N, C-alpha and C. Protein backbone atom coordinates (compact mmCIF):
# COMPACT_ATOMS: atom_id res chain seq x y z
N UNK A 1 20.90 -11.79 -27.22
CA UNK A 1 19.65 -11.68 -26.46
C UNK A 1 18.47 -11.90 -27.40
N UNK A 2 17.58 -12.84 -27.04
CA UNK A 2 16.44 -13.09 -27.91
C UNK A 2 15.40 -11.98 -27.76
N UNK A 3 14.40 -11.98 -28.65
CA UNK A 3 13.42 -10.89 -28.69
C UNK A 3 12.66 -10.75 -27.38
N UNK A 4 12.21 -11.89 -26.81
CA UNK A 4 11.42 -11.83 -25.58
C UNK A 4 12.23 -11.25 -24.44
N UNK A 5 13.50 -11.67 -24.34
CA UNK A 5 14.35 -11.16 -23.27
C UNK A 5 14.58 -9.67 -23.43
N UNK A 6 14.77 -9.24 -24.68
CA UNK A 6 14.95 -7.82 -24.94
C UNK A 6 13.70 -7.04 -24.56
N UNK A 7 12.53 -7.59 -24.88
CA UNK A 7 11.27 -6.92 -24.60
C UNK A 7 11.06 -6.69 -23.11
N UNK A 8 11.32 -7.68 -22.29
CA UNK A 8 11.05 -7.54 -20.86
C UNK A 8 12.10 -6.69 -20.14
N UNK A 9 13.14 -6.30 -20.86
CA UNK A 9 14.14 -5.40 -20.30
C UNK A 9 14.14 -4.04 -21.00
N UNK A 10 13.14 -3.80 -21.83
CA UNK A 10 13.04 -2.55 -22.60
C UNK A 10 12.42 -1.47 -21.72
N UNK A 11 13.17 -0.42 -21.42
CA UNK A 11 12.69 0.66 -20.56
C UNK A 11 12.16 1.86 -21.35
N UNK A 12 12.08 1.75 -22.66
CA UNK A 12 11.77 2.92 -23.49
C UNK A 12 10.38 3.50 -23.23
N UNK A 13 9.46 2.68 -22.73
CA UNK A 13 8.11 3.17 -22.46
C UNK A 13 7.89 3.63 -21.04
N UNK A 14 8.98 3.72 -20.25
CA UNK A 14 8.87 4.00 -18.82
C UNK A 14 9.51 5.33 -18.45
N UNK A 15 9.03 5.91 -17.36
CA UNK A 15 9.54 7.19 -16.87
C UNK A 15 9.61 7.18 -15.36
N UNK A 16 10.38 8.11 -14.82
CA UNK A 16 10.36 8.34 -13.38
C UNK A 16 9.09 9.11 -13.03
N UNK A 17 8.36 8.63 -12.06
CA UNK A 17 7.11 9.29 -11.67
C UNK A 17 7.37 10.73 -11.24
N UNK A 18 8.47 10.97 -10.56
CA UNK A 18 8.78 12.31 -10.07
C UNK A 18 8.98 13.32 -11.19
N UNK A 19 9.32 12.86 -12.40
CA UNK A 19 9.45 13.77 -13.53
C UNK A 19 8.09 14.27 -14.00
N UNK A 20 7.05 13.49 -13.77
CA UNK A 20 5.70 13.86 -14.17
C UNK A 20 4.90 14.46 -13.01
N UNK A 21 5.20 14.02 -11.81
CA UNK A 21 4.49 14.49 -10.61
C UNK A 21 5.54 14.95 -9.60
N UNK A 22 6.10 16.15 -9.79
CA UNK A 22 7.19 16.61 -8.92
C UNK A 22 6.83 16.68 -7.45
N UNK A 23 5.55 16.86 -7.13
CA UNK A 23 5.14 17.01 -5.74
C UNK A 23 4.94 15.68 -5.03
N UNK A 24 5.10 14.57 -5.74
CA UNK A 24 4.80 13.28 -5.13
C UNK A 24 5.81 12.92 -4.05
N UNK A 25 5.32 12.32 -2.99
CA UNK A 25 6.18 11.82 -1.91
C UNK A 25 6.41 10.34 -2.16
N UNK A 26 7.65 9.91 -2.03
CA UNK A 26 7.99 8.52 -2.33
C UNK A 26 8.53 7.81 -1.08
N UNK A 27 7.88 6.72 -0.72
CA UNK A 27 8.37 5.85 0.34
C UNK A 27 8.34 4.43 -0.22
N UNK A 28 9.36 4.11 -0.99
CA UNK A 28 9.38 2.85 -1.72
C UNK A 28 9.72 1.72 -0.75
N UNK A 29 8.69 1.06 -0.26
CA UNK A 29 8.84 0.12 0.85
C UNK A 29 9.72 -1.08 0.50
N UNK A 30 9.69 -1.53 -0.74
CA UNK A 30 10.44 -2.73 -1.07
C UNK A 30 11.92 -2.47 -1.28
N UNK A 31 12.31 -1.19 -1.28
CA UNK A 31 13.72 -0.84 -1.24
C UNK A 31 14.23 -0.88 0.20
N UNK A 32 13.32 -0.66 1.13
CA UNK A 32 13.68 -0.68 2.55
C UNK A 32 13.50 -2.09 3.13
N UNK A 33 13.71 -2.20 4.42
CA UNK A 33 13.47 -3.48 5.09
C UNK A 33 12.14 -3.47 5.83
N UNK A 34 11.44 -2.33 5.81
CA UNK A 34 10.13 -2.27 6.48
C UNK A 34 9.06 -2.65 5.47
N UNK A 35 8.91 -3.95 5.30
CA UNK A 35 7.88 -4.51 4.42
C UNK A 35 7.52 -5.89 4.97
N UNK A 36 6.60 -6.57 4.33
CA UNK A 36 6.07 -7.81 4.90
C UNK A 36 7.08 -8.95 4.95
N UNK A 37 8.19 -8.82 4.21
CA UNK A 37 9.25 -9.83 4.27
C UNK A 37 10.30 -9.45 5.30
N UNK A 38 10.67 -8.16 5.35
CA UNK A 38 11.67 -7.71 6.30
C UNK A 38 13.05 -7.52 5.71
N UNK A 39 13.18 -7.68 4.40
CA UNK A 39 14.44 -7.47 3.68
C UNK A 39 14.18 -6.55 2.49
N UNK A 40 15.27 -5.94 1.98
CA UNK A 40 15.13 -5.25 0.69
C UNK A 40 14.83 -6.30 -0.36
N UNK A 41 13.89 -5.99 -1.25
CA UNK A 41 13.42 -6.96 -2.22
C UNK A 41 14.28 -6.94 -3.48
N UNK A 42 14.53 -8.12 -4.03
CA UNK A 42 15.34 -8.24 -5.24
C UNK A 42 14.81 -7.34 -6.35
N UNK A 43 15.70 -6.64 -7.03
CA UNK A 43 15.33 -5.79 -8.15
C UNK A 43 15.14 -4.34 -7.79
N UNK A 44 15.11 -4.01 -6.51
CA UNK A 44 14.97 -2.62 -6.08
C UNK A 44 16.36 -2.05 -5.77
N UNK A 45 16.94 -1.38 -6.76
CA UNK A 45 18.30 -0.86 -6.62
C UNK A 45 18.32 0.59 -6.16
N UNK A 46 17.23 1.31 -6.36
CA UNK A 46 17.11 2.69 -5.89
C UNK A 46 15.67 2.91 -5.41
N UNK A 47 15.46 3.83 -4.46
CA UNK A 47 14.11 4.09 -3.95
C UNK A 47 13.35 5.09 -4.82
N UNK A 48 13.04 4.68 -6.03
CA UNK A 48 12.35 5.59 -6.95
C UNK A 48 11.16 4.88 -7.58
N UNK A 49 10.10 5.64 -7.83
CA UNK A 49 8.89 5.09 -8.45
C UNK A 49 8.98 5.24 -9.96
N UNK A 50 8.72 4.15 -10.68
CA UNK A 50 8.76 4.11 -12.13
C UNK A 50 7.40 3.64 -12.64
N UNK A 51 6.92 4.25 -13.71
CA UNK A 51 5.67 3.83 -14.34
C UNK A 51 5.78 3.97 -15.86
N UNK A 52 4.85 3.38 -16.57
CA UNK A 52 4.77 3.65 -18.00
C UNK A 52 4.41 5.12 -18.19
N UNK A 53 4.74 5.65 -19.35
CA UNK A 53 4.43 7.05 -19.62
C UNK A 53 2.94 7.32 -19.49
N UNK A 54 2.13 6.39 -19.98
CA UNK A 54 0.68 6.57 -19.93
C UNK A 54 0.15 6.63 -18.49
N UNK A 55 0.65 5.74 -17.65
CA UNK A 55 0.22 5.74 -16.26
C UNK A 55 0.70 6.98 -15.52
N UNK A 56 1.92 7.42 -15.84
CA UNK A 56 2.46 8.62 -15.20
C UNK A 56 1.66 9.85 -15.59
N UNK A 57 1.24 9.94 -16.85
CA UNK A 57 0.42 11.07 -17.28
C UNK A 57 -0.92 11.09 -16.54
N UNK A 58 -1.53 9.92 -16.42
CA UNK A 58 -2.81 9.83 -15.71
C UNK A 58 -2.64 10.18 -14.23
N UNK A 59 -1.54 9.74 -13.65
CA UNK A 59 -1.29 10.03 -12.24
C UNK A 59 -1.05 11.53 -12.02
N UNK A 60 -0.47 12.18 -13.01
CA UNK A 60 -0.29 13.63 -12.93
C UNK A 60 -1.64 14.32 -12.83
N UNK A 61 -2.62 13.85 -13.59
CA UNK A 61 -3.97 14.42 -13.53
C UNK A 61 -4.59 14.19 -12.15
N UNK A 62 -4.37 12.99 -11.59
CA UNK A 62 -4.84 12.71 -10.23
C UNK A 62 -4.21 13.69 -9.25
N UNK A 63 -2.90 13.85 -9.36
CA UNK A 63 -2.18 14.74 -8.45
C UNK A 63 -2.68 16.17 -8.54
N UNK A 64 -2.89 16.64 -9.76
CA UNK A 64 -3.37 18.02 -9.94
C UNK A 64 -4.71 18.23 -9.24
N UNK A 65 -5.61 17.27 -9.38
CA UNK A 65 -6.92 17.40 -8.74
C UNK A 65 -6.80 17.32 -7.23
N UNK A 66 -5.97 16.40 -6.74
CA UNK A 66 -5.81 16.27 -5.30
C UNK A 66 -5.12 17.49 -4.68
N UNK A 67 -4.19 18.09 -5.41
CA UNK A 67 -3.52 19.29 -4.90
C UNK A 67 -4.53 20.41 -4.66
N UNK A 68 -5.47 20.55 -5.57
CA UNK A 68 -6.52 21.57 -5.42
C UNK A 68 -7.36 21.29 -4.18
N UNK A 69 -7.55 20.03 -3.87
CA UNK A 69 -8.34 19.63 -2.69
C UNK A 69 -7.54 19.72 -1.40
N UNK A 70 -6.22 19.97 -1.53
CA UNK A 70 -5.38 20.10 -0.34
C UNK A 70 -4.58 18.86 0.02
N UNK A 71 -4.37 17.98 -0.96
CA UNK A 71 -3.65 16.74 -0.70
C UNK A 71 -2.50 16.53 -1.68
N UNK A 72 -1.49 15.80 -1.24
CA UNK A 72 -0.40 15.33 -2.10
C UNK A 72 -0.49 13.81 -2.18
N UNK A 73 0.03 13.26 -3.27
CA UNK A 73 0.09 11.81 -3.40
C UNK A 73 1.35 11.29 -2.72
N UNK A 74 1.23 10.12 -2.12
CA UNK A 74 2.38 9.42 -1.54
C UNK A 74 2.38 8.01 -2.11
N UNK A 75 3.47 7.63 -2.76
CA UNK A 75 3.53 6.34 -3.43
C UNK A 75 4.42 5.37 -2.65
N UNK A 76 3.93 4.14 -2.50
CA UNK A 76 4.69 3.09 -1.83
C UNK A 76 5.35 2.14 -2.82
N UNK A 77 4.71 1.94 -3.97
CA UNK A 77 5.27 1.05 -4.99
C UNK A 77 4.62 1.39 -6.33
N UNK A 78 5.36 1.15 -7.39
CA UNK A 78 4.83 1.38 -8.74
C UNK A 78 5.26 0.19 -9.59
N UNK A 79 6.11 0.43 -10.61
CA UNK A 79 6.64 -0.71 -11.37
C UNK A 79 7.41 -1.63 -10.42
N UNK A 80 7.16 -2.93 -10.56
CA UNK A 80 7.81 -3.94 -9.72
C UNK A 80 8.41 -5.01 -10.63
N UNK A 81 9.71 -5.20 -10.61
CA UNK A 81 10.33 -6.20 -11.50
C UNK A 81 9.80 -7.61 -11.24
N UNK A 82 9.77 -8.42 -12.27
CA UNK A 82 9.36 -9.82 -12.12
C UNK A 82 10.28 -10.54 -11.15
N UNK A 83 11.54 -10.09 -11.05
CA UNK A 83 12.47 -10.70 -10.10
C UNK A 83 12.03 -10.46 -8.66
N UNK A 84 11.39 -9.33 -8.41
CA UNK A 84 10.87 -9.04 -7.07
C UNK A 84 9.70 -9.95 -6.74
N UNK A 85 8.85 -10.17 -7.72
CA UNK A 85 7.70 -11.06 -7.52
C UNK A 85 8.19 -12.48 -7.22
N UNK A 86 9.24 -12.90 -7.90
CA UNK A 86 9.83 -14.21 -7.64
C UNK A 86 10.34 -14.28 -6.20
N UNK A 87 10.92 -13.18 -5.71
CA UNK A 87 11.37 -13.10 -4.31
C UNK A 87 10.19 -13.33 -3.37
N UNK A 88 9.05 -12.71 -3.67
CA UNK A 88 7.84 -12.90 -2.86
C UNK A 88 7.44 -14.38 -2.84
N UNK A 89 7.42 -14.99 -4.01
CA UNK A 89 6.97 -16.38 -4.12
C UNK A 89 7.90 -17.32 -3.36
N UNK A 90 9.20 -17.11 -3.49
CA UNK A 90 10.16 -17.96 -2.78
C UNK A 90 10.03 -17.78 -1.27
N UNK A 91 9.77 -16.56 -0.83
CA UNK A 91 9.53 -16.32 0.59
C UNK A 91 8.28 -17.08 1.05
N UNK A 92 7.27 -17.12 0.21
CA UNK A 92 6.04 -17.82 0.56
C UNK A 92 6.25 -19.31 0.76
N UNK A 93 7.23 -19.86 0.05
CA UNK A 93 7.53 -21.29 0.18
C UNK A 93 8.27 -21.59 1.47
N UNK A 94 9.05 -20.60 1.95
CA UNK A 94 9.85 -20.78 3.16
C UNK A 94 8.98 -20.53 4.39
N UNK A 95 8.56 -21.58 5.06
CA UNK A 95 7.61 -21.46 6.17
C UNK A 95 8.21 -20.85 7.44
N UNK A 96 9.51 -20.91 7.58
CA UNK A 96 10.14 -20.49 8.84
C UNK A 96 10.19 -18.98 9.01
N UNK A 97 10.23 -18.23 7.92
CA UNK A 97 10.42 -16.78 7.99
C UNK A 97 9.07 -16.07 8.13
N UNK A 98 8.76 -15.70 9.37
CA UNK A 98 7.52 -14.97 9.62
C UNK A 98 7.79 -13.78 10.55
N UNK A 99 8.97 -13.20 10.43
CA UNK A 99 9.37 -12.16 11.38
C UNK A 99 8.52 -10.90 11.32
N UNK A 100 7.87 -10.64 10.16
CA UNK A 100 7.06 -9.42 10.02
C UNK A 100 5.56 -9.70 10.13
N UNK A 101 5.22 -10.90 10.55
CA UNK A 101 3.81 -11.30 10.63
C UNK A 101 2.98 -10.35 11.50
N UNK A 102 3.48 -9.98 12.65
CA UNK A 102 2.73 -9.15 13.59
C UNK A 102 2.34 -7.81 12.97
N UNK A 103 3.19 -7.29 12.09
CA UNK A 103 2.98 -5.96 11.53
C UNK A 103 2.14 -5.95 10.26
N UNK A 104 2.18 -7.03 9.49
CA UNK A 104 1.57 -6.99 8.17
C UNK A 104 0.49 -8.06 7.91
N UNK A 105 0.55 -9.19 8.60
CA UNK A 105 -0.46 -10.22 8.36
C UNK A 105 -0.74 -11.02 9.64
N UNK A 106 -1.12 -10.33 10.72
CA UNK A 106 -1.27 -10.99 12.02
C UNK A 106 -2.35 -12.06 12.05
N UNK A 107 -3.35 -11.96 11.19
CA UNK A 107 -4.48 -12.88 11.26
C UNK A 107 -4.46 -13.95 10.17
N UNK A 108 -3.42 -13.96 9.35
CA UNK A 108 -3.34 -14.91 8.24
C UNK A 108 -2.04 -15.69 8.26
N UNK A 109 -2.07 -16.89 7.70
CA UNK A 109 -0.85 -17.64 7.49
C UNK A 109 -0.26 -17.24 6.14
N UNK A 110 1.01 -17.49 5.96
CA UNK A 110 1.69 -17.01 4.75
C UNK A 110 1.02 -17.48 3.47
N UNK A 111 0.66 -18.73 3.40
CA UNK A 111 0.07 -19.25 2.17
C UNK A 111 -1.26 -18.58 1.86
N UNK A 112 -1.98 -18.15 2.89
CA UNK A 112 -3.26 -17.48 2.68
C UNK A 112 -3.08 -16.13 1.99
N UNK A 113 -1.91 -15.54 2.10
CA UNK A 113 -1.67 -14.25 1.44
C UNK A 113 -1.77 -14.41 -0.07
N UNK A 114 -1.34 -15.57 -0.58
CA UNK A 114 -1.43 -15.85 -2.00
C UNK A 114 -2.85 -16.30 -2.37
N UNK A 115 -3.41 -17.15 -1.53
CA UNK A 115 -4.75 -17.69 -1.80
C UNK A 115 -5.81 -16.61 -1.82
N UNK A 116 -5.65 -15.58 -1.00
CA UNK A 116 -6.66 -14.53 -0.90
C UNK A 116 -6.35 -13.31 -1.77
N UNK A 117 -5.30 -13.39 -2.57
CA UNK A 117 -5.05 -12.36 -3.56
C UNK A 117 -4.22 -11.18 -3.12
N UNK A 118 -3.66 -11.22 -1.91
CA UNK A 118 -2.84 -10.10 -1.47
C UNK A 118 -1.48 -10.09 -2.17
N UNK A 119 -0.97 -11.27 -2.47
CA UNK A 119 0.29 -11.40 -3.19
C UNK A 119 0.05 -12.31 -4.39
N UNK A 120 0.49 -11.87 -5.56
CA UNK A 120 0.27 -12.64 -6.79
C UNK A 120 1.57 -13.24 -7.30
N UNK A 121 1.49 -14.41 -7.89
CA UNK A 121 2.68 -15.04 -8.48
C UNK A 121 3.09 -14.34 -9.77
N UNK A 122 2.13 -13.65 -10.40
CA UNK A 122 2.42 -12.74 -11.52
C UNK A 122 1.67 -11.45 -11.20
N UNK A 123 2.41 -10.37 -11.02
CA UNK A 123 1.81 -9.14 -10.53
C UNK A 123 1.57 -8.13 -11.64
N UNK A 124 0.44 -7.44 -11.56
CA UNK A 124 0.16 -6.35 -12.50
C UNK A 124 1.21 -5.25 -12.39
N UNK A 125 1.84 -5.13 -11.23
CA UNK A 125 2.90 -4.14 -11.06
C UNK A 125 4.03 -4.34 -12.08
N UNK A 126 4.28 -5.58 -12.44
CA UNK A 126 5.37 -5.87 -13.38
C UNK A 126 5.05 -5.45 -14.81
N UNK A 127 3.80 -5.11 -15.09
CA UNK A 127 3.43 -4.58 -16.40
C UNK A 127 3.63 -3.07 -16.47
N UNK A 128 3.90 -2.46 -15.31
CA UNK A 128 4.35 -1.08 -15.30
C UNK A 128 3.30 0.00 -15.16
N UNK A 129 2.02 -0.36 -15.05
CA UNK A 129 0.97 0.65 -14.97
C UNK A 129 0.13 0.53 -13.71
N UNK A 130 0.69 -0.10 -12.69
CA UNK A 130 0.00 -0.25 -11.41
C UNK A 130 0.76 0.53 -10.34
N UNK A 131 0.01 1.16 -9.46
CA UNK A 131 0.63 1.97 -8.41
C UNK A 131 -0.07 1.72 -7.08
N UNK A 132 0.71 1.71 -6.01
CA UNK A 132 0.21 1.63 -4.64
C UNK A 132 0.43 3.00 -4.00
N UNK A 133 -0.63 3.61 -3.52
CA UNK A 133 -0.45 4.98 -3.02
C UNK A 133 -1.50 5.35 -1.98
N UNK A 134 -1.22 6.48 -1.33
CA UNK A 134 -2.16 7.07 -0.38
C UNK A 134 -2.10 8.57 -0.54
N UNK A 135 -2.71 9.29 0.41
CA UNK A 135 -2.76 10.74 0.36
C UNK A 135 -2.09 11.34 1.59
N UNK A 136 -1.47 12.51 1.38
CA UNK A 136 -0.94 13.32 2.48
C UNK A 136 -1.77 14.59 2.58
N UNK A 137 -2.14 14.96 3.78
CA UNK A 137 -2.83 16.21 4.02
C UNK A 137 -1.80 17.34 3.97
N UNK A 138 -1.95 18.28 3.05
CA UNK A 138 -0.95 19.33 2.89
C UNK A 138 -0.92 20.28 4.07
N UNK A 139 -2.02 20.39 4.80
CA UNK A 139 -2.07 21.28 5.95
C UNK A 139 -1.31 20.73 7.15
N UNK A 140 -1.36 19.41 7.31
CA UNK A 140 -0.73 18.78 8.48
C UNK A 140 0.59 18.08 8.14
N UNK A 141 0.76 17.73 6.86
CA UNK A 141 1.95 16.97 6.46
C UNK A 141 1.87 15.51 6.81
N UNK A 142 0.71 15.06 7.28
CA UNK A 142 0.54 13.68 7.71
C UNK A 142 -0.28 12.88 6.70
N UNK A 143 -0.08 11.55 6.73
CA UNK A 143 -0.89 10.68 5.90
C UNK A 143 -2.36 10.77 6.32
N UNK A 144 -3.22 10.72 5.34
CA UNK A 144 -4.65 10.65 5.61
C UNK A 144 -4.97 9.29 6.22
N UNK A 145 -5.84 9.27 7.20
CA UNK A 145 -6.18 8.03 7.90
C UNK A 145 -7.11 7.18 7.04
N UNK A 146 -6.60 6.06 6.56
CA UNK A 146 -7.37 5.15 5.72
C UNK A 146 -7.92 3.94 6.47
N UNK A 147 -7.65 3.88 7.76
CA UNK A 147 -8.20 2.79 8.55
C UNK A 147 -7.31 1.58 8.67
N UNK A 148 -6.32 1.47 7.79
CA UNK A 148 -5.30 0.42 7.88
C UNK A 148 -4.09 0.90 7.11
N UNK A 149 -2.89 0.45 7.48
CA UNK A 149 -1.69 0.90 6.77
C UNK A 149 -1.47 0.14 5.47
N UNK A 150 -0.57 0.66 4.66
CA UNK A 150 -0.20 0.00 3.41
C UNK A 150 0.32 -1.41 3.68
N UNK A 151 -0.06 -2.35 2.84
CA UNK A 151 0.35 -3.76 2.91
C UNK A 151 -0.08 -4.46 4.20
N UNK A 152 -1.16 -3.95 4.80
CA UNK A 152 -1.74 -4.66 5.93
C UNK A 152 -2.74 -5.65 5.35
N UNK A 153 -2.35 -6.92 5.34
CA UNK A 153 -3.12 -7.95 4.66
C UNK A 153 -4.21 -8.48 5.57
N UNK A 154 -5.40 -7.92 5.38
CA UNK A 154 -6.53 -8.21 6.25
C UNK A 154 -7.80 -7.71 5.60
N UNK A 155 -8.92 -8.23 6.04
CA UNK A 155 -10.21 -7.73 5.58
C UNK A 155 -10.33 -6.23 5.84
N UNK A 156 -9.63 -5.74 6.85
CA UNK A 156 -9.69 -4.32 7.19
C UNK A 156 -9.19 -3.44 6.05
N UNK A 157 -8.39 -4.00 5.15
CA UNK A 157 -7.84 -3.24 4.04
C UNK A 157 -8.70 -3.31 2.78
N UNK A 158 -9.76 -4.10 2.80
CA UNK A 158 -10.66 -4.14 1.66
C UNK A 158 -11.31 -2.76 1.51
N UNK A 159 -11.33 -2.20 0.30
CA UNK A 159 -11.86 -0.84 0.13
C UNK A 159 -13.26 -0.63 0.68
N UNK A 160 -14.10 -1.65 0.59
CA UNK A 160 -15.49 -1.50 1.04
C UNK A 160 -15.73 -2.02 2.45
N UNK A 161 -14.67 -2.26 3.21
CA UNK A 161 -14.82 -2.76 4.57
C UNK A 161 -15.54 -1.72 5.43
N UNK A 162 -16.60 -2.15 6.07
CA UNK A 162 -17.43 -1.22 6.83
C UNK A 162 -17.05 -1.12 8.30
N UNK A 163 -15.99 -1.81 8.70
CA UNK A 163 -15.58 -1.77 10.09
C UNK A 163 -14.71 -0.58 10.45
N UNK A 164 -14.39 0.27 9.46
CA UNK A 164 -13.63 1.48 9.74
C UNK A 164 -14.59 2.61 10.07
N UNK A 165 -14.05 3.73 10.50
CA UNK A 165 -14.91 4.87 10.83
C UNK A 165 -15.46 5.52 9.56
N UNK A 166 -16.45 6.36 9.73
CA UNK A 166 -17.03 7.07 8.58
C UNK A 166 -15.97 7.93 7.89
N UNK A 167 -15.12 8.58 8.67
CA UNK A 167 -14.07 9.43 8.10
C UNK A 167 -13.06 8.59 7.32
N UNK A 168 -12.65 7.46 7.88
CA UNK A 168 -11.69 6.59 7.20
C UNK A 168 -12.27 6.05 5.90
N UNK A 169 -13.53 5.66 5.94
CA UNK A 169 -14.19 5.16 4.73
C UNK A 169 -14.30 6.26 3.67
N UNK A 170 -14.64 7.46 4.12
CA UNK A 170 -14.74 8.59 3.20
C UNK A 170 -13.40 8.90 2.56
N UNK A 171 -12.33 8.77 3.32
CA UNK A 171 -10.99 9.00 2.78
C UNK A 171 -10.65 7.98 1.70
N UNK A 172 -10.99 6.72 1.94
CA UNK A 172 -10.76 5.67 0.93
C UNK A 172 -11.53 5.98 -0.34
N UNK A 173 -12.78 6.37 -0.17
CA UNK A 173 -13.63 6.63 -1.33
C UNK A 173 -13.17 7.88 -2.09
N UNK A 174 -12.62 8.85 -1.39
CA UNK A 174 -12.09 10.05 -2.05
C UNK A 174 -10.93 9.67 -2.97
N UNK A 175 -9.99 8.90 -2.45
CA UNK A 175 -8.87 8.45 -3.28
C UNK A 175 -9.37 7.61 -4.43
N UNK A 176 -10.26 6.69 -4.15
CA UNK A 176 -10.78 5.78 -5.17
C UNK A 176 -11.50 6.55 -6.29
N UNK A 177 -12.33 7.50 -5.93
CA UNK A 177 -13.14 8.20 -6.93
C UNK A 177 -12.26 9.00 -7.88
N UNK A 178 -11.23 9.63 -7.36
CA UNK A 178 -10.36 10.43 -8.23
C UNK A 178 -9.49 9.53 -9.10
N UNK A 179 -9.03 8.42 -8.57
CA UNK A 179 -8.26 7.48 -9.37
C UNK A 179 -9.12 6.92 -10.51
N UNK A 180 -10.35 6.54 -10.21
CA UNK A 180 -11.25 6.02 -11.25
C UNK A 180 -11.54 7.09 -12.29
N UNK A 181 -11.74 8.31 -11.86
CA UNK A 181 -12.04 9.42 -12.77
C UNK A 181 -10.95 9.60 -13.81
N UNK A 182 -9.72 9.30 -13.44
CA UNK A 182 -8.58 9.52 -14.35
C UNK A 182 -8.03 8.22 -14.95
N UNK A 183 -8.87 7.19 -14.97
CA UNK A 183 -8.56 6.02 -15.78
C UNK A 183 -7.96 4.83 -15.07
N UNK A 184 -7.91 4.85 -13.74
CA UNK A 184 -7.36 3.72 -13.01
C UNK A 184 -8.49 2.82 -12.50
N UNK A 185 -8.17 1.54 -12.33
CA UNK A 185 -9.12 0.58 -11.78
C UNK A 185 -8.60 0.03 -10.46
N UNK A 186 -9.48 -0.20 -9.48
CA UNK A 186 -9.08 -0.73 -8.18
C UNK A 186 -9.15 -2.25 -8.15
N UNK A 187 -8.73 -2.83 -7.05
CA UNK A 187 -8.99 -4.24 -6.78
C UNK A 187 -9.78 -4.32 -5.49
N UNK A 188 -10.34 -5.50 -5.19
CA UNK A 188 -11.30 -5.59 -4.08
C UNK A 188 -10.69 -5.90 -2.73
N UNK A 189 -9.35 -6.06 -2.65
CA UNK A 189 -8.77 -6.44 -1.36
C UNK A 189 -7.74 -5.44 -0.82
N UNK A 190 -7.43 -4.39 -1.58
CA UNK A 190 -6.43 -3.41 -1.12
C UNK A 190 -6.87 -2.01 -1.52
N UNK A 191 -7.09 -1.13 -0.57
CA UNK A 191 -7.56 0.23 -0.87
C UNK A 191 -6.50 1.06 -1.60
N UNK A 192 -5.25 0.67 -1.51
CA UNK A 192 -4.14 1.47 -2.06
C UNK A 192 -3.75 1.10 -3.49
N UNK A 193 -4.29 0.06 -4.06
CA UNK A 193 -3.81 -0.55 -5.31
C UNK A 193 -4.69 -0.17 -6.50
N UNK A 194 -4.07 0.41 -7.55
CA UNK A 194 -4.80 0.82 -8.75
C UNK A 194 -3.97 0.54 -10.00
N UNK A 195 -4.65 0.10 -11.06
CA UNK A 195 -4.02 -0.19 -12.35
C UNK A 195 -4.68 0.64 -13.44
N UNK A 196 -3.89 1.22 -14.31
CA UNK A 196 -4.43 1.98 -15.44
C UNK A 196 -5.28 1.07 -16.31
N UNK A 197 -6.51 1.45 -16.55
CA UNK A 197 -7.43 0.61 -17.31
C UNK A 197 -6.91 0.31 -18.71
N UNK A 198 -6.42 1.33 -19.39
CA UNK A 198 -5.89 1.16 -20.75
C UNK A 198 -4.37 1.06 -20.71
N UNK A 199 -3.87 0.11 -19.93
CA UNK A 199 -2.42 -0.03 -19.78
C UNK A 199 -1.78 -0.42 -21.12
N UNK A 200 -0.60 0.11 -21.43
CA UNK A 200 0.02 -0.13 -22.73
C UNK A 200 0.62 -1.52 -22.90
N UNK A 201 0.93 -2.21 -21.81
CA UNK A 201 1.56 -3.53 -21.90
C UNK A 201 0.75 -4.55 -21.09
N UNK A 202 -0.46 -4.88 -21.52
CA UNK A 202 -1.33 -5.75 -20.73
C UNK A 202 -0.87 -7.19 -20.62
N UNK A 203 0.11 -7.59 -21.43
CA UNK A 203 0.54 -8.99 -21.43
C UNK A 203 2.05 -9.15 -21.22
N UNK A 204 2.74 -8.05 -20.93
CA UNK A 204 4.20 -8.11 -20.79
C UNK A 204 4.60 -7.86 -19.34
N UNK A 205 5.41 -8.77 -18.80
CA UNK A 205 5.88 -8.66 -17.42
C UNK A 205 7.38 -8.36 -17.46
N UNK A 206 7.73 -7.12 -17.14
CA UNK A 206 9.10 -6.65 -17.28
C UNK A 206 9.95 -7.08 -16.08
N UNK A 207 11.27 -7.12 -16.30
CA UNK A 207 12.14 -7.54 -15.20
C UNK A 207 13.36 -6.64 -15.01
N UNK A 208 13.44 -5.52 -15.72
CA UNK A 208 14.58 -4.61 -15.47
C UNK A 208 14.48 -4.06 -14.04
N UNK A 209 15.60 -3.75 -13.40
CA UNK A 209 15.58 -3.32 -12.00
C UNK A 209 15.01 -1.92 -11.83
N UNK A 210 14.59 -1.62 -10.61
CA UNK A 210 14.12 -0.29 -10.26
C UNK A 210 15.33 0.58 -9.98
N UNK A 211 15.67 1.41 -10.94
CA UNK A 211 16.78 2.35 -10.81
C UNK A 211 16.60 3.46 -11.81
N UNK A 212 16.92 4.67 -11.38
CA UNK A 212 16.78 5.82 -12.27
C UNK A 212 17.81 5.80 -13.38
N UNK A 213 18.92 5.11 -13.15
CA UNK A 213 20.00 5.11 -14.14
C UNK A 213 19.55 4.59 -15.50
N UNK A 214 18.65 3.61 -15.52
CA UNK A 214 18.22 3.01 -16.77
C UNK A 214 17.33 3.94 -17.59
N UNK A 215 16.79 4.97 -16.93
CA UNK A 215 15.85 5.85 -17.61
C UNK A 215 16.49 7.16 -18.06
N UNK A 216 17.76 7.34 -17.79
CA UNK A 216 18.46 8.55 -18.20
C UNK A 216 18.91 8.41 -19.64
N UNK A 217 18.52 9.33 -20.47
CA UNK A 217 18.87 9.29 -21.88
C UNK A 217 19.49 10.60 -22.30
């Protein structure tokens, strides 16, 4: 195995998010079939969230603050193997498969998902310090209303979209402000997506599969 191949399969800097944030709720969508493609995505061998140690530590701080406010974190995706991103790209090339369009991208054509930045051919998730998440209200056990669901590819999901209610907008800004406070940066088209500003691997795209087995030492 050459050095580059070894590097992109090196799990030594990664941890299970649940080890750092025991209260986190995990709904790893790309392990399931309820996602914008409709199949389990390549590279997702177990429904567990993985992040770099640095990102997991920062997320623990976010969780602690949100717990005090009465909320738990719910994660939809974290580290994403490069093989999964390749699955996305190949799906984008196949024009016939649009079975999940109604649920995730009703107003856009598949190619527009890439053109408008909702899906990337090289994803920050593959660097290991990006997380997709929302909040759960601890009193009700329900997701906080953000005005659009996770992976709903539309202007409605832009963090600053003003077409949502005041409460929905306030919920987005609450999540955003606490994530920024603890070192994460947002993007302009998805309210759920944040990357650690000082990520440890800014130029490395990993491809080891999502499984807890690789992180057991």
